[in-house]
Amino acid sequence: TRTARVASLLEARSQSEGISVEEA
């Protein structure tokens, strides 16, 4: 669900996998 919590999880995935937030 599009919330601040999910935004932070997407950011974490972006950093750990070396991809953009949009790709995550």
mmCIF file of all heavy atoms, coordinates in Angstrom:
data_MODEL
# 
_entry.id   MODEL 
# 
loop_
_atom_site.group_PDB 
_atom_site.id 
_atom_site.type_symbol 
_atom_site.label_atom_id 
_atom_site.label_alt_id 
_atom_site.label_comp_id 
_atom_site.label_asym_id 
_atom_site.label_entity_id 
_atom_site.label_seq_id 
_atom_site.pdbx_PDB_ins_code 
_atom_site.Cartn_x 
_atom_site.Cartn_y 
_atom_site.Cartn_z 
_atom_site.occupancy 
_atom_site.B_iso_or_equiv 
_atom_site.pdbx_formal_charge 
_atom_site.auth_seq_id 
_atom_site.auth_comp_id 
_atom_site.auth_asym_id 
_atom_site.auth_atom_id 
_atom_site.pdbx_PDB_model_num 
ATOM 1   N N   . THR A 1 1  ? 0.852  -1.188 0.000   1.00 0.00 ? 1  THR A N   1 
ATOM 2   C CA  . THR A 1 1  ? 0.000  0.000  0.000   1.00 0.00 ? 1  THR A CA  1 
ATOM 3   C C   . THR A 1 1  ? 0.891  1.243  0.000   1.00 0.00 ? 1  THR A C   1 
ATOM 4   O O   . THR A 1 1  ? 1.897  1.290  0.704   1.00 0.00 ? 1  THR A O   1 
ATOM 5   C CB  . THR A 1 1  ? -0.897 0.011  1.250   1.00 0.00 ? 1  THR A CB  1 
ATOM 6   O OG1 . THR A 1 1  ? -1.603 -1.240 1.316   1.00 0.00 ? 1  THR A OG1 1 
ATOM 7   C CG2 . THR A 1 1  ? -1.898 1.148  1.205   1.00 0.00 ? 1  THR A CG2 1 
ATOM 8   N N   . ARG A 1 2  ? 0.512  2.242  -0.760  1.00 0.00 ? 2  ARG A N   1 
ATOM 9   C CA  . ARG A 1 2  ? 1.350  3.426  -0.917  1.00 0.00 ? 2  ARG A CA  1 
ATOM 10  C C   . ARG A 1 2  ? 1.307  4.282  0.361   1.00 0.00 ? 2  ARG A C   1 
ATOM 11  O O   . ARG A 1 2  ? 0.451  5.152  0.522   1.00 0.00 ? 2  ARG A O   1 
ATOM 12  C CB  . ARG A 1 2  ? 0.888  4.236  -2.124  1.00 0.00 ? 2  ARG A CB  1 
ATOM 13  C CG  . ARG A 1 2  ? 1.948  5.202  -2.671  1.00 0.00 ? 2  ARG A CG  1 
ATOM 14  C CD  . ARG A 1 2  ? 1.511  5.815  -3.982  1.00 0.00 ? 2  ARG A CD  1 
ATOM 15  N NE  . ARG A 1 2  ? 1.436  4.849  -5.057  1.00 0.00 ? 2  ARG A NE  1 
ATOM 16  C CZ  . ARG A 1 2  ? 2.486  4.355  -5.708  1.00 0.00 ? 2  ARG A CZ  1 
ATOM 17  N NH1 . ARG A 1 2  ? 3.705  4.725  -5.372  1.00 0.00 ? 2  ARG A NH1 1 
ATOM 18  N NH2 . ARG A 1 2  ? 2.315  3.491  -6.685  1.00 0.00 ? 2  ARG A NH2 1 
ATOM 19  N N   . THR A 1 3  ? 2.234  4.008  1.254   1.00 0.00 ? 3  THR A N   1 
ATOM 20  C CA  . THR A 1 3  ? 2.358  4.726  2.519   1.00 0.00 ? 3  THR A CA  1 
ATOM 21  C C   . THR A 1 3  ? 3.822  5.077  2.750   1.00 0.00 ? 3  THR A C   1 
ATOM 22  O O   . THR A 1 3  ? 4.718  4.601  2.031   1.00 0.00 ? 3  THR A O   1 
ATOM 23  C CB  . THR A 1 3  ? 1.881  3.854  3.697   1.00 0.00 ? 3  THR A CB  1 
ATOM 24  O OG1 . THR A 1 3  ? 2.729  2.704  3.783   1.00 0.00 ? 3  THR A OG1 1 
ATOM 25  C CG2 . THR A 1 3  ? 0.430  3.416  3.534   1.00 0.00 ? 3  THR A CG2 1 
ATOM 26  N N   . ALA A 1 4  ? 4.078  5.875  3.789   1.00 0.00 ? 4  ALA A N   1 
ATOM 27  C CA  . ALA A 1 4  ? 5.462  6.226  4.132   1.00 0.00 ? 4  ALA A CA  1 
ATOM 28  C C   . ALA A 1 4  ? 6.254  4.983  4.519   1.00 0.00 ? 4  ALA A C   1 
ATOM 29  O O   . ALA A 1 4  ? 7.451  4.874  4.222   1.00 0.00 ? 4  ALA A O   1 
ATOM 30  C CB  . ALA A 1 4  ? 5.470  7.250  5.267   1.00 0.00 ? 4  ALA A CB  1 
ATOM 31  N N   . ARG A 1 5  ? 5.607  4.037  5.189   1.00 0.00 ? 5  ARG A N   1 
ATOM 32  C CA  . ARG A 1 5  ? 6.259  2.779  5.572   1.00 0.00 ? 5  ARG A CA  1 
ATOM 33  C C   . ARG A 1 5  ? 6.733  2.026  4.333   1.00 0.00 ? 5  ARG A C   1 
ATOM 34  O O   . ARG A 1 5  ? 7.875  1.563  4.267   1.00 0.00 ? 5  ARG A O   1 
ATOM 35  C CB  . ARG A 1 5  ? 5.274  1.936  6.384   1.00 0.00 ? 5  ARG A CB  1 
ATOM 36  C CG  . ARG A 1 5  ? 5.555  0.444  6.439   1.00 0.00 ? 5  ARG A CG  1 
ATOM 37  C CD  . ARG A 1 5  ? 6.636  0.077  7.387   1.00 0.00 ? 5  ARG A CD  1 
ATOM 38  N NE  . ARG A 1 5  ? 6.672  -1.371 7.617   1.00 0.00 ? 5  ARG A NE  1 
ATOM 39  C CZ  . ARG A 1 5  ? 7.667  -2.012 8.193   1.00 0.00 ? 5  ARG A CZ  1 
ATOM 40  N NH1 . ARG A 1 5  ? 8.722  -1.346 8.600   1.00 0.00 ? 5  ARG A NH1 1 
ATOM 41  N NH2 . ARG A 1 5  ? 7.617  -3.314 8.377   1.00 0.00 ? 5  ARG A NH2 1 
ATOM 42  N N   . VAL A 1 6  ? 5.879  1.899  3.338   1.00 0.00 ? 6  VAL A N   1 
ATOM 43  C CA  . VAL A 1 6  ? 6.257  1.188  2.117   1.00 0.00 ? 6  VAL A CA  1 
ATOM 44  C C   . VAL A 1 6  ? 7.325  1.974  1.353   1.00 0.00 ? 6  VAL A C   1 
ATOM 45  O O   . VAL A 1 6  ? 8.246  1.374  0.770   1.00 0.00 ? 6  VAL A O   1 
ATOM 46  C CB  . VAL A 1 6  ? 5.011  0.918  1.247   1.00 0.00 ? 6  VAL A CB  1 
ATOM 47  C CG1 . VAL A 1 6  ? 5.397  0.487  -0.164  1.00 0.00 ? 6  VAL A CG1 1 
ATOM 48  C CG2 . VAL A 1 6  ? 4.158  -0.158 1.904   1.00 0.00 ? 6  VAL A CG2 1 
ATOM 49  N N   . ALA A 1 7  ? 7.225  3.295  1.380   1.00 0.00 ? 7  ALA A N   1 
ATOM 50  C CA  . ALA A 1 7  ? 8.263  4.103  0.725   1.00 0.00 ? 7  ALA A CA  1 
ATOM 51  C C   . ALA A 1 7  ? 9.633  3.819  1.329   1.00 0.00 ? 7  ALA A C   1 
ATOM 52  O O   . ALA A 1 7  ? 10.633 3.705  0.607   1.00 0.00 ? 7  ALA A O   1 
ATOM 53  C CB  . ALA A 1 7  ? 7.923  5.583  0.836   1.00 0.00 ? 7  ALA A CB  1 
ATOM 54  N N   . SER A 1 8  ? 9.685  3.661  2.655   1.00 0.00 ? 8  SER A N   1 
ATOM 55  C CA  . SER A 1 8  ? 10.965 3.371  3.302   1.00 0.00 ? 8  SER A CA  1 
ATOM 56  C C   . SER A 1 8  ? 11.457 1.970  2.952   1.00 0.00 ? 8  SER A C   1 
ATOM 57  O O   . SER A 1 8  ? 12.659 1.733  2.786   1.00 0.00 ? 8  SER A O   1 
ATOM 58  C CB  . SER A 1 8  ? 10.853 3.536  4.824   1.00 0.00 ? 8  SER A CB  1 
ATOM 59  O OG  . SER A 1 8  ? 10.051 2.525  5.392   1.00 0.00 ? 8  SER A OG  1 
ATOM 60  N N   . LEU A 1 9  ? 10.535 1.009  2.823   1.00 0.00 ? 9  LEU A N   1 
ATOM 61  C CA  . LEU A 1 9  ? 10.919 -0.350 2.428   1.00 0.00 ? 9  LEU A CA  1 
ATOM 62  C C   . LEU A 1 9  ? 11.433 -0.372 0.991   1.00 0.00 ? 9  LEU A C   1 
ATOM 63  O O   . LEU A 1 9  ? 12.392 -1.090 0.675   1.00 0.00 ? 9  LEU A O   1 
ATOM 64  C CB  . LEU A 1 9  ? 9.735  -1.297 2.582   1.00 0.00 ? 9  LEU A CB  1 
ATOM 65  C CG  . LEU A 1 9  ? 9.261  -1.567 4.012   1.00 0.00 ? 9  LEU A CG  1 
ATOM 66  C CD1 . LEU A 1 9  ? 8.004  -2.426 3.995   1.00 0.00 ? 9  LEU A CD1 1 
ATOM 67  C CD2 . LEU A 1 9  ? 10.354 -2.228 4.842   1.00 0.00 ? 9  LEU A CD2 1 
ATOM 68  N N   . LEU A 1 10 ? 10.800 0.405  0.127   1.00 0.00 ? 10 LEU A N   1 
ATOM 69  C CA  . LEU A 1 10 ? 11.269 0.480  -1.254  1.00 0.00 ? 10 LEU A CA  1 
ATOM 70  C C   . LEU A 1 10 ? 12.654 1.105  -1.326  1.00 0.00 ? 10 LEU A C   1 
ATOM 71  O O   . LEU A 1 10 ? 13.514 0.667  -2.111  1.00 0.00 ? 10 LEU A O   1 
ATOM 72  C CB  . LEU A 1 10 ? 10.280 1.286  -2.106  1.00 0.00 ? 10 LEU A CB  1 
ATOM 73  C CG  . LEU A 1 10 ? 8.923  0.646  -2.369  1.00 0.00 ? 10 LEU A CG  1 
ATOM 74  C CD1 . LEU A 1 10 ? 8.008  1.616  -3.090  1.00 0.00 ? 10 LEU A CD1 1 
ATOM 75  C CD2 . LEU A 1 10 ? 9.062  -0.638 -3.166  1.00 0.00 ? 10 LEU A CD2 1 
ATOM 76  N N   . GLU A 1 11 ? 12.874 2.109  -0.510  1.00 0.00 ? 11 GLU A N   1 
ATOM 77  C CA  . GLU A 1 11 ? 14.192 2.747  -0.460  1.00 0.00 ? 11 GLU A CA  1 
ATOM 78  C C   . GLU A 1 11 ? 15.248 1.753  0.024   1.00 0.00 ? 11 GLU A C   1 
ATOM 79  O O   . GLU A 1 11 ? 16.364 1.685  -0.522  1.00 0.00 ? 11 GLU A O   1 
ATOM 80  C CB  . GLU A 1 11 ? 14.136 3.968  0.461   1.00 0.00 ? 11 GLU A CB  1 
ATOM 81  C CG  . GLU A 1 11 ? 15.454 4.730  0.583   1.00 0.00 ? 11 GLU A CG  1 
ATOM 82  C CD  . GLU A 1 11 ? 15.910 5.350  -0.718  1.00 0.00 ? 11 GLU A CD  1 
ATOM 83  O OE1 . GLU A 1 11 ? 15.051 5.788  -1.507  1.00 0.00 ? 11 GLU A OE1 1 
ATOM 84  O OE2 . GLU A 1 11 ? 17.138 5.388  -0.951  1.00 0.00 ? 11 GLU A OE2 1 
ATOM 85  N N   . ALA A 1 12 ? 14.898 0.972  1.058   1.00 0.00 ? 12 ALA A N   1 
ATOM 86  C CA  . ALA A 1 12 ? 15.829 -0.033 1.576   1.00 0.00 ? 12 ALA A CA  1 
ATOM 87  C C   . ALA A 1 12 ? 16.140 -1.087 0.514   1.00 0.00 ? 12 ALA A C   1 
ATOM 88  O O   . ALA A 1 12 ? 17.291 -1.500 0.344   1.00 0.00 ? 12 ALA A O   1 
ATOM 89  C CB  . ALA A 1 12 ? 15.249 -0.690 2.818   1.00 0.00 ? 12 ALA A CB  1 
ATOM 90  N N   . ARG A 1 13 ? 15.112 -1.518 -0.213  1.00 0.00 ? 13 ARG A N   1 
ATOM 91  C CA  . ARG A 1 13 ? 15.333 -2.505 -1.276  1.00 0.00 ? 13 ARG A CA  1 
ATOM 92  C C   . ARG A 1 13 ? 16.179 -1.911 -2.397  1.00 0.00 ? 13 ARG A C   1 
ATOM 93  O O   . ARG A 1 13 ? 17.063 -2.586 -2.947  1.00 0.00 ? 13 ARG A O   1 
ATOM 94  C CB  . ARG A 1 13 ? 13.996 -2.996 -1.822  1.00 0.00 ? 13 ARG A CB  1 
ATOM 95  C CG  . ARG A 1 13 ? 14.141 -3.988 -2.971  1.00 0.00 ? 13 ARG A CG  1 
ATOM 96  C CD  . ARG A 1 13 ? 12.816 -4.606 -3.385  1.00 0.00 ? 13 ARG A CD  1 
ATOM 97  N NE  . ARG A 1 13 ? 12.328 -5.545 -2.385  1.00 0.00 ? 13 ARG A NE  1 
ATOM 98  C CZ  . ARG A 1 13 ? 11.359 -6.430 -2.635  1.00 0.00 ? 13 ARG A CZ  1 
ATOM 99  N NH1 . ARG A 1 13 ? 10.795 -6.496 -3.828  1.00 0.00 ? 13 ARG A NH1 1 
ATOM 100 N NH2 . ARG A 1 13 ? 10.957 -7.258 -1.682  1.00 0.00 ? 13 ARG A NH2 1 
ATOM 101 N N   . SER A 1 14 ? 15.919 -0.657 -2.713  1.00 0.00 ? 14 SER A N   1 
ATOM 102 C CA  . SER A 1 14 ? 16.695 0.028  -3.742  1.00 0.00 ? 14 SER A CA  1 
ATOM 103 C C   . SER A 1 14 ? 18.183 0.027  -3.401  1.00 0.00 ? 14 SER A C   1 
ATOM 104 O O   . SER A 1 14 ? 19.034 -0.288 -4.242  1.00 0.00 ? 14 SER A O   1 
ATOM 105 C CB  . SER A 1 14 ? 16.176 1.467  -3.895  1.00 0.00 ? 14 SER A CB  1 
ATOM 106 O OG  . SER A 1 14 ? 17.100 2.285  -4.558  1.00 0.00 ? 14 SER A OG  1 
ATOM 107 N N   . GLN A 1 15 ? 18.485 0.343  -2.160  1.00 0.00 ? 15 GLN A N   1 
ATOM 108 C CA  . GLN A 1 15 ? 19.884 0.411  -1.741  1.00 0.00 ? 15 GLN A CA  1 
ATOM 109 C C   . GLN A 1 15 ? 20.523 -0.971 -1.674  1.00 0.00 ? 15 GLN A C   1 
ATOM 110 O O   . GLN A 1 15 ? 21.678 -1.156 -2.087  1.00 0.00 ? 15 GLN A O   1 
ATOM 111 C CB  . GLN A 1 15 ? 19.979 1.116  -0.392  1.00 0.00 ? 15 GLN A CB  1 
ATOM 112 C CG  . GLN A 1 15 ? 19.598 2.591  -0.456  1.00 0.00 ? 15 GLN A CG  1 
ATOM 113 C CD  . GLN A 1 15 ? 19.666 3.275  0.895   1.00 0.00 ? 15 GLN A CD  1 
ATOM 114 O OE1 . GLN A 1 15 ? 20.092 2.688  1.889   1.00 0.00 ? 15 GLN A OE1 1 
ATOM 115 N NE2 . GLN A 1 15 ? 19.239 4.527  0.957   1.00 0.00 ? 15 GLN A NE2 1 
ATOM 116 N N   . SER A 1 16 ? 19.796 -1.950 -1.156  1.00 0.00 ? 16 SER A N   1 
ATOM 117 C CA  . SER A 1 16 ? 20.391 -3.283 -0.992  1.00 0.00 ? 16 SER A CA  1 
ATOM 118 C C   . SER A 1 16 ? 20.604 -3.993 -2.331  1.00 0.00 ? 16 SER A C   1 
ATOM 119 O O   . SER A 1 16 ? 21.535 -4.795 -2.470  1.00 0.00 ? 16 SER A O   1 
ATOM 120 C CB  . SER A 1 16 ? 19.516 -4.144 -0.078  1.00 0.00 ? 16 SER A CB  1 
ATOM 121 O OG  . SER A 1 16 ? 18.291 -4.463 -0.709  1.00 0.00 ? 16 SER A OG  1 
ATOM 122 N N   . GLU A 1 17 ? 19.759 -3.689 -3.332  1.00 0.00 ? 17 GLU A N   1 
ATOM 123 C CA  . GLU A 1 17 ? 19.851 -4.372 -4.616  1.00 0.00 ? 17 GLU A CA  1 
ATOM 124 C C   . GLU A 1 17 ? 20.507 -3.529 -5.702  1.00 0.00 ? 17 GLU A C   1 
ATOM 125 O O   . GLU A 1 17 ? 20.704 -3.999 -6.832  1.00 0.00 ? 17 GLU A O   1 
ATOM 126 C CB  . GLU A 1 17 ? 18.457 -4.819 -5.072  1.00 0.00 ? 17 GLU A CB  1 
ATOM 127 C CG  . GLU A 1 17 ? 17.804 -5.814 -4.123  1.00 0.00 ? 17 GLU A CG  1 
ATOM 128 C CD  . GLU A 1 17 ? 16.428 -6.263 -4.566  1.00 0.00 ? 17 GLU A CD  1 
ATOM 129 O OE1 . GLU A 1 17 ? 16.039 -5.937 -5.715  1.00 0.00 ? 17 GLU A OE1 1 
ATOM 130 O OE2 . GLU A 1 17 ? 15.745 -6.934 -3.779  1.00 0.00 ? 17 GLU A OE2 1 
ATOM 131 N N   . GLY A 1 18 ? 20.850 -2.271 -5.354  1.00 0.00 ? 18 GLY A N   1 
ATOM 132 C CA  . GLY A 1 18 ? 21.522 -1.408 -6.318  1.00 0.00 ? 18 GLY A CA  1 
ATOM 133 C C   . GLY A 1 18 ? 20.657 -1.024 -7.498  1.00 0.00 ? 18 GLY A C   1 
ATOM 134 O O   . GLY A 1 18 ? 21.136 -0.921 -8.639  1.00 0.00 ? 18 GLY A O   1 
ATOM 135 N N   . ILE A 1 19 ? 19.362 -0.810 -7.249  1.00 0.00 ? 19 ILE A N   1 
ATOM 136 C CA  . ILE A 1 19 ? 18.433 -0.397 -8.298  1.00 0.00 ? 19 ILE A CA  1 
ATOM 137 C C   . ILE A 1 19 ? 17.726 0.874  -7.864  1.00 0.00 ? 19 ILE A C   1 
ATOM 138 O O   . ILE A 1 19 ? 17.808 1.283  -6.699  1.00 0.00 ? 19 ILE A O   1 
ATOM 139 C CB  . ILE A 1 19 ? 17.395 -1.505 -8.593  1.00 0.00 ? 19 ILE A CB  1 
ATOM 140 C CG1 . ILE A 1 19 ? 16.594 -1.851 -7.320  1.00 0.00 ? 19 ILE A CG1 1 
ATOM 141 C CG2 . ILE A 1 19 ? 18.077 -2.745 -9.158  1.00 0.00 ? 19 ILE A CG2 1 
ATOM 142 C CD1 . ILE A 1 19 ? 15.497 -2.893 -7.539  1.00 0.00 ? 19 ILE A CD1 1 
ATOM 143 N N   . SER A 1 20 ? 17.014 1.510  -8.770  1.00 0.00 ? 20 SER A N   1 
ATOM 144 C CA  . SER A 1 20 ? 16.277 2.719  -8.420  1.00 0.00 ? 20 SER A CA  1 
ATOM 145 C C   . SER A 1 20 ? 15.028 2.369  -7.619  1.00 0.00 ? 20 SER A C   1 
ATOM 146 O O   . SER A 1 20 ? 14.563 1.216  -7.639  1.00 0.00 ? 20 SER A O   1 
ATOM 147 C CB  . SER A 1 20 ? 15.873 3.483  -9.685  1.00 0.00 ? 20 SER A CB  1 
ATOM 148 O OG  . SER A 1 20 ? 14.882 2.764  -10.398 1.00 0.00 ? 20 SER A OG  1 
ATOM 149 N N   . VAL A 1 21 ? 14.475 3.357  -6.932  1.00 0.00 ? 21 VAL A N   1 
ATOM 150 C CA  . VAL A 1 21 ? 13.231 3.158  -6.184  1.00 0.00 ? 21 VAL A CA  1 
ATOM 151 C C   . VAL A 1 21 ? 12.105 2.766  -7.144  1.00 0.00 ? 21 VAL A C   1 
ATOM 152 O O   . VAL A 1 21 ? 11.266 1.909  -6.830  1.00 0.00 ? 21 VAL A O   1 
ATOM 153 C CB  . VAL A 1 21 ? 12.866 4.420  -5.382  1.00 0.00 ? 21 VAL A CB  1 
ATOM 154 C CG1 . VAL A 1 21 ? 11.478 4.285  -4.769  1.00 0.00 ? 21 VAL A CG1 1 
ATOM 155 C CG2 . VAL A 1 21 ? 13.899 4.691  -4.295  1.00 0.00 ? 21 VAL A CG2 1 
ATOM 156 N N   . GLU A 1 22 ? 12.095 3.387  -8.321  1.00 0.00 ? 22 GLU A N   1 
ATOM 157 C CA  . GLU A 1 22 ? 11.066 3.075  -9.315  1.00 0.00 ? 22 GLU A CA  1 
ATOM 158 C C   . GLU A 1 22 ? 11.168 1.618  -9.771  1.00 0.00 ? 22 GLU A C   1 
ATOM 159 O O   . GLU A 1 22 ? 10.157 0.932  -9.931  1.00 0.00 ? 22 GLU A O   1 
ATOM 160 C CB  . GLU A 1 22 ? 11.201 4.010  -10.522 1.00 0.00 ? 22 GLU A CB  1 
ATOM 161 C CG  . GLU A 1 22 ? 10.857 5.464  -10.255 1.00 0.00 ? 22 GLU A CG  1 
ATOM 162 C CD  . GLU A 1 22 ? 11.925 6.206  -9.448  1.00 0.00 ? 22 GLU A CD  1 
ATOM 163 O OE1 . GLU A 1 22 ? 13.089 5.740  -9.405  1.00 0.00 ? 22 GLU A OE1 1 
ATOM 164 O OE2 . GLU A 1 22 ? 11.582 7.246  -8.860  1.00 0.00 ? 22 GLU A OE2 1 
ATOM 165 N N   . GLU A 1 23 ? 12.404 1.166  -9.952  1.00 0.00 ? 23 GLU A N   1 
ATOM 166 C CA  . GLU A 1 23 ? 12.593 -0.246 -10.330 1.00 0.00 ? 23 GLU A CA  1 
ATOM 167 C C   . GLU A 1 23 ? 12.189 -1.173 -9.197  1.00 0.00 ? 23 GLU A C   1 
ATOM 168 O O   . GLU A 1 23 ? 11.601 -2.242 -9.429  1.00 0.00 ? 23 GLU A O   1 
ATOM 169 C CB  . GLU A 1 23 ? 14.053 -0.484 -10.711 1.00 0.00 ? 23 GLU A CB  1 
ATOM 170 C CG  . GLU A 1 23 ? 14.455 0.142  -12.038 1.00 0.00 ? 23 GLU A CG  1 
ATOM 171 C CD  . GLU A 1 23 ? 15.957 0.061  -12.278 1.00 0.00 ? 23 GLU A CD  1 
ATOM 172 O OE1 . GLU A 1 23 ? 16.735 0.294  -11.333 1.00 0.00 ? 23 GLU A OE1 1 
ATOM 173 O OE2 . GLU A 1 23 ? 16.338 -0.232 -13.425 1.00 0.00 ? 23 GLU A OE2 1 
ATOM 174 N N   . ALA A 1 24 ? 12.485 -0.764 -7.951  1.00 0.00 ? 24 ALA A N   1 
ATOM 175 C CA  . ALA A 1 24 ? 12.096 -1.569 -6.798  1.00 0.00 ? 24 ALA A CA  1 
ATOM 176 C C   . ALA A 1 24 ? 10.584 -1.695 -6.719  1.00 0.00 ? 24 ALA A C   1 
ATOM 177 O O   . ALA A 1 24 ? 10.046 -2.782 -6.451  1.00 0.00 ? 24 ALA A O   1 
ATOM 178 C CB  . ALA A 1 24 ? 12.653 -0.951 -5.515  1.00 0.00 ? 24 ALA A CB  1 
# 
